[in-house]
Structure formats: C-alpha cells, structure tokens
Amino acid sequence: MYCVDCGESVQPGSSFCGKCGGKVGDPRSAPAPTPEPEEEKAGLGLRWLFVLWAFVQKTVGTAIVIFFISLVLG
C-alpha cells in the first residue's frame, strides 16, 4: 500500500504515513483523479475563446479609430 499524499510505501495496517504523516486510507475511497485530456480540452476551449475575444476587440477598436479619423479629416 502507498500513501496517497506522498507516494511512499506504507506498512499494511498503518493509519499514518511514516514519511509525511498523512492519514492512510482505503485507496478505493479516495476520489478518482480527473483525466488530463478533459482538462486540456477545457483549457483549449478557453484559449480559443480568448483569441476570438481579442480579435473582436482589435477589429472593433480599429473600426472606431478609423471612424473618428474620418470625422476629423472629413
């Protein structure tokens, strides 16, 4: 059996890890880790959303500047 906190080998029947002092529990009761590909997909979606937002902001900002320049030179 291994400690879920530090990964150190723990003697069977021990309640606490000898290295980090973490409580040793039944590994079946520990929450399952979230798969990384799902996290990467979520992060990738947020990155694309940010890129789209930046593009729209730049386009709108440029249009506003051109509009005001045309008014001044006009």
PDB file of N, CA and C in Angstrom:
ATOM      1  N   MET A   1       0.852  -1.168   0.000  1.00  0.00           N
ATOM      2  CA  MET A   1       0.000   0.000   0.000  1.00  0.00           C
ATOM      3  C   MET A   1       0.903   1.238   0.000  1.00  0.00           C
ATOM      4  N   TYR A   2       0.427   2.308  -0.639  1.00  0.00           N
ATOM      5  CA  TYR A   2       1.187   3.544  -0.759  1.00  0.00           C
ATOM      6  C   TYR A   2       0.389   4.716  -0.214  1.00  0.00           C
ATOM      7  N   CYS A   3       1.110   5.733   0.273  1.00  0.00           N
ATOM      8  CA  CYS A   3       0.491   6.959   0.776  1.00  0.00           C
ATOM      9  C   CYS A   3      -0.076   7.739  -0.408  1.00  0.00           C
ATOM     10  N   VAL A   4      -1.323   8.209  -0.287  1.00  0.00           N
ATOM     11  CA  VAL A   4      -1.939   8.969  -1.374  1.00  0.00           C
ATOM     12  C   VAL A   4      -1.399  10.391  -1.440  1.00  0.00           C
ATOM     13  N   ASP A   5      -0.746  10.865  -0.368  1.00  0.00           N
ATOM     14  CA  ASP A   5      -0.206  12.225  -0.355  1.00  0.00           C
ATOM     15  C   ASP A   5       1.191  12.298  -0.961  1.00  0.00           C
ATOM     16  N   CYS A   6       2.092  11.389  -0.533  1.00  0.00           N
ATOM     17  CA  CYS A   6       3.486  11.497  -0.980  1.00  0.00           C
ATOM     18  C   CYS A   6       3.950  10.314  -1.821  1.00  0.00           C
ATOM     19  N   GLY A   7       3.172   9.234  -1.870  1.00  0.00           N
ATOM     20  CA  GLY A   7       3.539   8.074  -2.677  1.00  0.00           C
ATOM     21  C   GLY A   7       4.481   7.096  -2.001  1.00  0.00           C
ATOM     22  N   GLU A   8       4.827   7.339  -0.764  1.00  0.00           N
ATOM     23  CA  GLU A   8       5.732   6.467  -0.019  1.00  0.00           C
ATOM     24  C   GLU A   8       5.030   5.148   0.318  1.00  0.00           C
ATOM     25  N   SER A   9       5.809   4.073   0.340  1.00  0.00           N
ATOM     26  CA  SER A   9       5.274   2.777   0.718  1.00  0.00           C
ATOM     27  C   SER A   9       4.931   2.787   2.204  1.00  0.00           C
ATOM     28  N   VAL A  10       3.745   2.265   2.528  1.00  0.00           N
ATOM     29  CA  VAL A  10       3.263   2.261   3.909  1.00  0.00           C
ATOM     30  C   VAL A  10       3.042   0.825   4.340  1.00  0.00           C
ATOM     31  N   GLN A  11       3.400   0.518   5.570  1.00  0.00           N
ATOM     32  CA  GLN A  11       3.217  -0.823   6.113  1.00  0.00           C
ATOM     33  C   GLN A  11       1.730  -1.146   6.187  1.00  0.00           C
ATOM     34  N   PRO A  12       1.354  -2.345   5.823  1.00  0.00           N
ATOM     35  CA  PRO A  12      -0.063  -2.731   5.936  1.00  0.00           C
ATOM     36  C   PRO A  12      -0.559  -2.575   7.364  1.00  0.00           C
ATOM     37  N   GLY A  13      -1.736  -2.032   7.529  1.00  0.00           N
ATOM     38  CA  GLY A  13      -2.331  -1.839   8.842  1.00  0.00           C
ATOM     39  C   GLY A  13      -1.985  -0.506   9.469  1.00  0.00           C
ATOM     40  N   SER A  14      -1.078   0.270   8.860  1.00  0.00           N
ATOM     41  CA  SER A  14      -0.716   1.581   9.408  1.00  0.00           C
ATOM     42  C   SER A  14      -1.839   2.574   9.155  1.00  0.00           C
ATOM     43  N   SER A  15      -2.002   3.496  10.107  1.00  0.00           N
ATOM     44  CA  SER A  15      -3.016   4.530   9.960  1.00  0.00           C
ATOM     45  C   SER A  15      -2.436   5.817   9.385  1.00  0.00           C
ATOM     46  N   PHE A  16      -1.107   6.001   9.563  1.00  0.00           N
ATOM     47  CA  PHE A  16      -0.464   7.222   9.102  1.00  0.00           C
ATOM     48  C   PHE A  16       0.810   6.884   8.345  1.00  0.00           C
ATOM     49  N   CYS A  17       1.195   7.740   7.405  1.00  0.00           N
ATOM     50  CA  CYS A  17       2.412   7.575   6.621  1.00  0.00           C
ATOM     51  C   CYS A  17       3.612   7.915   7.500  1.00  0.00           C
ATOM     52  N   GLY A  18       4.661   7.108   7.426  1.00  0.00           N
ATOM     53  CA  GLY A  18       5.865   7.358   8.212  1.00  0.00           C
ATOM     54  C   GLY A  18       6.698   8.504   7.660  1.00  0.00           C
ATOM     55  N   LYS A  19       6.511   8.878   6.404  1.00  0.00           N
ATOM     56  CA  LYS A  19       7.311   9.942   5.793  1.00  0.00           C
ATOM     57  C   LYS A  19       6.649  11.316   5.952  1.00  0.00           C
ATOM     58  N   CYS A  20       5.389  11.441   5.527  1.00  0.00           N
ATOM     59  CA  CYS A  20       4.743  12.762   5.552  1.00  0.00           C
ATOM     60  C   CYS A  20       3.739  12.918   6.686  1.00  0.00           C
ATOM     61  N   GLY A  21       3.341  11.817   7.322  1.00  0.00           N
ATOM     62  CA  GLY A  21       2.392  11.891   8.425  1.00  0.00           C
ATOM     63  C   GLY A  21       0.939  11.943   7.971  1.00  0.00           C
ATOM     64  N   GLY A  22       0.732  11.834   6.667  1.00  0.00           N
ATOM     65  CA  GLY A  22      -0.629  11.869   6.141  1.00  0.00           C
ATOM     66  C   GLY A  22      -1.413  10.642   6.559  1.00  0.00           C
ATOM     67  N   LYS A  23      -2.708  10.807   6.713  1.00  0.00           N
ATOM     68  CA  LYS A  23      -3.561   9.701   7.105  1.00  0.00           C
ATOM     69  C   LYS A  23      -3.689   8.734   5.935  1.00  0.00           C
ATOM     70  N   VAL A  24      -3.499   7.463   6.213  1.00  0.00           N
ATOM     71  CA  VAL A  24      -3.585   6.432   5.189  1.00  0.00           C
ATOM     72  C   VAL A  24      -5.007   5.915   5.178  1.00  0.00           C
ATOM     73  N   GLY A  25      -5.616   5.936   4.004  1.00  0.00           N
ATOM     74  CA  GLY A  25      -6.984   5.463   3.893  1.00  0.00           C
ATOM     75  C   GLY A  25      -7.081   4.391   2.837  1.00  0.00           C
ATOM     76  N   ASP A  26      -8.250   3.921   2.658  1.00  0.00           N
ATOM     77  CA  ASP A  26      -8.525   2.928   1.644  1.00  0.00           C
ATOM     78  C   ASP A  26      -8.441   3.603   0.274  1.00  0.00           C
ATOM     79  N   PRO A  27      -7.580   3.128  -0.617  1.00  0.00           N
ATOM     80  CA  PRO A  27      -7.444   3.798  -1.911  1.00  0.00           C
ATOM     81  C   PRO A  27      -8.735   3.769  -2.732  1.00  0.00           C
ATOM     82  N   ARG A  28      -9.621   2.843  -2.444  1.00  0.00           N
ATOM     83  CA  ARG A  28     -10.888   2.803  -3.167  1.00  0.00           C
ATOM     84  C   ARG A  28     -11.793   3.957  -2.760  1.00  0.00           C
ATOM     85  N   SER A  29     -11.592   4.502  -1.552  1.00  0.00           N
ATOM     86  CA  SER A  29     -12.436   5.608  -1.105  1.00  0.00           C
ATOM     87  C   SER A  29     -11.878   6.958  -1.534  1.00  0.00           C
ATOM     88  N   ALA A  30     -10.652   6.985  -2.040  1.00  0.00           N
ATOM     89  CA  ALA A  30     -10.063   8.237  -2.500  1.00  0.00           C
ATOM     90  C   ALA A  30     -10.739   8.653  -3.802  1.00  0.00           C
ATOM     91  N   PRO A  31     -10.923   9.962  -3.993  1.00  0.00           N
ATOM     92  CA  PRO A  31     -11.569  10.402  -5.241  1.00  0.00           C
ATOM     93  C   PRO A  31     -10.689  10.093  -6.445  1.00  0.00           C
ATOM     94  N   ALA A  32     -11.323   9.686  -7.512  1.00  0.00           N
ATOM     95  CA  ALA A  32     -10.586   9.357  -8.733  1.00  0.00           C
ATOM     96  C   ALA A  32     -10.075  10.642  -9.366  1.00  0.00           C
ATOM     97  N   PRO A  33      -8.834  10.642  -9.833  1.00  0.00           N
ATOM     98  CA  PRO A  33      -8.307  11.851 -10.469  1.00  0.00           C
ATOM     99  C   PRO A  33      -9.024  12.109 -11.799  1.00  0.00           C
ATOM    100  N   THR A  34      -9.160  13.380 -12.125  1.00  0.00           N
ATOM    101  CA  THR A  34      -9.774  13.759 -13.389  1.00  0.00           C
ATOM    102  C   THR A  34      -8.785  13.495 -14.512  1.00  0.00           C
ATOM    103  N   PRO A  35      -9.210  12.865 -15.571  1.00  0.00           N
ATOM    104  CA  PRO A  35      -8.291  12.601 -16.677  1.00  0.00           C
ATOM    105  C   PRO A  35      -7.776  13.898 -17.291  1.00  0.00           C
ATOM    106  N   GLU A  36      -6.488  13.930 -17.601  1.00  0.00           N
ATOM    107  CA  GLU A  36      -5.874  15.134 -18.143  1.00  0.00           C
ATOM    108  C   GLU A  36      -6.422  15.548 -19.499  1.00  0.00           C
ATOM    109  N   PRO A  37      -6.739  14.628 -20.404  1.00  0.00           N
ATOM    110  CA  PRO A  37      -7.245  15.091 -21.703  1.00  0.00           C
ATOM    111  C   PRO A  37      -8.491  15.963 -21.581  1.00  0.00           C
ATOM    112  N   GLU A  38      -9.361  15.677 -20.627  1.00  0.00           N
ATOM    113  CA  GLU A  38     -10.554  16.512 -20.447  1.00  0.00           C
ATOM    114  C   GLU A  38     -10.152  17.908 -20.000  1.00  0.00           C
ATOM    115  N   GLU A  39      -9.170  17.995 -19.082  1.00  0.00           N
ATOM    116  CA  GLU A  39      -8.703  19.295 -18.618  1.00  0.00           C
ATOM    117  C   GLU A  39      -8.063  20.060 -19.766  1.00  0.00           C
ATOM    118  N   GLU A  40      -7.306  19.373 -20.601  1.00  0.00           N
ATOM    119  CA  GLU A  40      -6.667  20.027 -21.730  1.00  0.00           C
ATOM    120  C   GLU A  40      -7.707  20.531 -22.716  1.00  0.00           C
ATOM    121  N   LYS A  41      -8.778  19.769 -22.933  1.00  0.00           N
ATOM    122  CA  LYS A  41      -9.825  20.201 -23.846  1.00  0.00           C
ATOM    123  C   LYS A  41     -10.492  21.466 -23.321  1.00  0.00           C
ATOM    124  N   ALA A  42     -10.755  21.507 -22.020  1.00  0.00           N
ATOM    125  CA  ALA A  42     -11.374  22.694 -21.427  1.00  0.00           C
ATOM    126  C   ALA A  42     -10.440  23.888 -21.554  1.00  0.00           C
ATOM    127  N   GLY A  43      -9.163  23.688 -21.297  1.00  0.00           N
ATOM    128  CA  GLY A  43      -8.194  24.772 -21.417  1.00  0.00           C
ATOM    129  C   GLY A  43      -8.062  25.247 -22.853  1.00  0.00           C
ATOM    130  N   LEU A  44      -8.109  24.322 -23.788  1.00  0.00           N
ATOM    131  CA  LEU A  44      -8.004  24.677 -25.201  1.00  0.00           C
ATOM    132  C   LEU A  44      -9.214  25.492 -25.633  1.00  0.00           C
ATOM    133  N   GLY A  45     -10.388  25.134 -25.164  1.00  0.00           N
ATOM    134  CA  GLY A  45     -11.592  25.894 -25.484  1.00  0.00           C
ATOM    135  C   GLY A  45     -11.524  27.308 -24.948  1.00  0.00           C
ATOM    136  N   LEU A  46     -11.011  27.455 -23.727  1.00  0.00           N
ATOM    137  CA  LEU A  46     -10.874  28.786 -23.148  1.00  0.00           C
ATOM    138  C   LEU A  46      -9.847  29.608 -23.905  1.00  0.00           C
ATOM    139  N   ARG A  47      -8.769  28.970 -24.362  1.00  0.00           N
ATOM    140  CA  ARG A  47      -7.757  29.693 -25.139  1.00  0.00           C
ATOM    141  C   ARG A  47      -8.349  30.207 -26.443  1.00  0.00           C
ATOM    142  N   TRP A  48      -9.127  29.364 -27.134  1.00  0.00           N
ATOM    143  CA  TRP A  48      -9.741  29.800 -28.389  1.00  0.00           C
ATOM    144  C   TRP A  48     -10.750  30.906 -28.144  1.00  0.00           C
ATOM    145  N   LEU A  49     -11.464  30.835 -27.044  1.00  0.00           N
ATOM    146  CA  LEU A  49     -12.418  31.883 -26.705  1.00  0.00           C
ATOM    147  C   LEU A  49     -11.692  33.200 -26.474  1.00  0.00           C
ATOM    148  N   PHE A  50     -10.555  33.152 -25.802  1.00  0.00           N
ATOM    149  CA  PHE A  50      -9.762  34.357 -25.558  1.00  0.00           C
ATOM    150  C   PHE A  50      -9.233  34.931 -26.865  1.00  0.00           C
ATOM    151  N   VAL A  51      -8.744  34.061 -27.768  1.00  0.00           N
ATOM    152  CA  VAL A  51      -8.234  34.521 -29.058  1.00  0.00           C
ATOM    153  C   VAL A  51      -9.353  35.197 -29.849  1.00  0.00           C
ATOM    154  N   LEU A  52     -10.531  34.592 -29.860  1.00  0.00           N
ATOM    155  CA  LEU A  52     -11.666  35.178 -30.561  1.00  0.00           C
ATOM    156  C   LEU A  52     -12.036  36.527 -29.959  1.00  0.00           C
ATOM    157  N   TRP A  53     -12.073  36.607 -28.637  1.00  0.00           N
ATOM    158  CA  TRP A  53     -12.391  37.859 -27.952  1.00  0.00           C
ATOM    159  C   TRP A  53     -11.364  38.934 -28.302  1.00  0.00           C
ATOM    160  N   ALA A  54     -10.069  38.595 -28.297  1.00  0.00           N
ATOM    161  CA  ALA A  54      -9.025  39.561 -28.627  1.00  0.00           C
ATOM    162  C   ALA A  54      -9.169  40.043 -30.070  1.00  0.00           C
ATOM    163  N   PHE A  55      -9.478  39.136 -30.992  1.00  0.00           N
ATOM    164  CA  PHE A  55      -9.662  39.515 -32.392  1.00  0.00           C
ATOM    165  C   PHE A  55     -10.829  40.490 -32.549  1.00  0.00           C
ATOM    166  N   VAL A  56     -11.936  40.201 -31.896  1.00  0.00           N
ATOM    167  CA  VAL A  56     -13.109  41.078 -31.983  1.00  0.00           C
ATOM    168  C   VAL A  56     -12.782  42.442 -31.382  1.00  0.00           C
ATOM    169  N   GLN A  57     -12.105  42.464 -30.252  1.00  0.00           N
ATOM    170  CA  GLN A  57     -11.745  43.725 -29.618  1.00  0.00           C
ATOM    171  C   GLN A  57     -10.845  44.564 -30.525  1.00  0.00           C
ATOM    172  N   LYS A  58      -9.872  43.914 -31.153  1.00  0.00           N
ATOM    173  CA  LYS A  58      -8.955  44.635 -32.035  1.00  0.00           C
ATOM    174  C   LYS A  58      -9.704  45.168 -33.252  1.00  0.00           C
ATOM    175  N   THR A  59     -10.586  44.359 -33.823  1.00  0.00           N
ATOM    176  CA  THR A  59     -11.345  44.769 -35.003  1.00  0.00           C
ATOM    177  C   THR A  59     -12.262  45.940 -34.676  1.00  0.00           C
ATOM    178  N   VAL A  60     -12.985  45.856 -33.581  1.00  0.00           N
ATOM    179  CA  VAL A  60     -13.897  46.934 -33.183  1.00  0.00           C
ATOM    180  C   VAL A  60     -13.102  48.195 -32.855  1.00  0.00           C
ATOM    181  N   GLY A  61     -11.999  48.034 -32.149  1.00  0.00           N
ATOM    182  CA  GLY A  61     -11.162  49.191 -31.809  1.00  0.00           C
ATOM    183  C   GLY A  61     -10.631  49.877 -33.050  1.00  0.00           C
ATOM    184  N   THR A  62     -10.180  49.110 -34.024  1.00  0.00           N
ATOM    185  CA  THR A  62      -9.673  49.678 -35.273  1.00  0.00           C
ATOM    186  C   THR A  62     -10.785  50.404 -36.019  1.00  0.00           C
ATOM    187  N   ALA A  63     -11.958  49.823 -36.062  1.00  0.00           N
ATOM    188  CA  ALA A  63     -13.089  50.465 -36.740  1.00  0.00           C
ATOM    189  C   ALA A  63     -13.440  51.788 -36.076  1.00  0.00           C
ATOM    190  N   ILE A  64     -13.389  51.849 -34.758  1.00  0.00           N
ATOM    191  CA  ILE A  64     -13.701  53.087 -34.042  1.00  0.00           C
ATOM    192  C   ILE A  64     -12.662  54.156 -34.355  1.00  0.00           C
ATOM    193  N   VAL A  65     -11.393  53.782 -34.362  1.00  0.00           N
ATOM    194  CA  VAL A  65     -10.327  54.735 -34.668  1.00  0.00           C
ATOM    195  C   VAL A  65     -10.481  55.267 -36.085  1.00  0.00           C
ATOM    196  N   ILE A  66     -10.754  54.399 -37.045  1.00  0.00           N
ATOM    197  CA  ILE A  66     -10.941  54.836 -38.434  1.00  0.00           C
ATOM    198  C   ILE A  66     -12.143  55.760 -38.543  1.00  0.00           C
ATOM    199  N   PHE A  67     -13.214  55.457 -37.831  1.00  0.00           N
ATOM    200  CA  PHE A  67     -14.404  56.315 -37.855  1.00  0.00           C
ATOM    201  C   PHE A  67     -14.079  57.706 -37.347  1.00  0.00           C
ATOM    202  N   PHE A  68     -13.380  57.807 -36.210  1.00  0.00           N
ATOM    203  CA  PHE A  68     -13.053  59.116 -35.669  1.00  0.00           C
ATOM    204  C   PHE A  68     -12.061  59.881 -36.547  1.00  0.00           C
ATOM    205  N   ILE A  69     -11.127  59.182 -37.164  1.00  0.00           N
ATOM    206  CA  ILE A  69     -10.193  59.842 -38.077  1.00  0.00           C
ATOM    207  C   ILE A  69     -10.951  60.407 -39.276  1.00  0.00           C
ATOM    208  N   SER A  70     -11.913  59.637 -39.800  1.00  0.00           N
ATOM    209  CA  SER A  70     -12.699  60.124 -40.939  1.00  0.00           C
ATOM    210  C   SER A  70     -13.546  61.337 -40.562  1.00  0.00           C
ATOM    211  N   LEU A  71     -14.005  61.375 -39.308  1.00  0.00           N
ATOM    212  CA  LEU A  71     -14.764  62.565 -38.867  1.00  0.00           C
ATOM    213  C   LEU A  71     -13.879  63.802 -38.794  1.00  0.00           C
ATOM    214  N   VAL A  72     -12.658  63.613 -38.288  1.00  0.00           N
ATOM    215  CA  VAL A  72     -11.736  64.749 -38.122  1.00  0.00           C
ATOM    216  C   VAL A  72     -11.265  65.254 -39.490  1.00  0.00           C
ATOM    217  N   LEU A  73     -10.930  64.325 -40.386  1.00  0.00           N
ATOM    218  CA  LEU A  73     -10.405  64.716 -41.694  1.00  0.00           C
ATOM    219  C   LEU A  73     -11.490  65.090 -42.690  1.00  0.00           C
ATOM    220  N   GLY A  74     -12.697  64.702 -42.387  1.00  0.00           N
ATOM    221  CA  GLY A  74     -13.724  64.808 -43.164  1.00  0.00           C
ATOM    222  C   GLY A  74     -14.539  65.378 -44.071  1.00  0.00           C
TER     223      GLY A  74
END
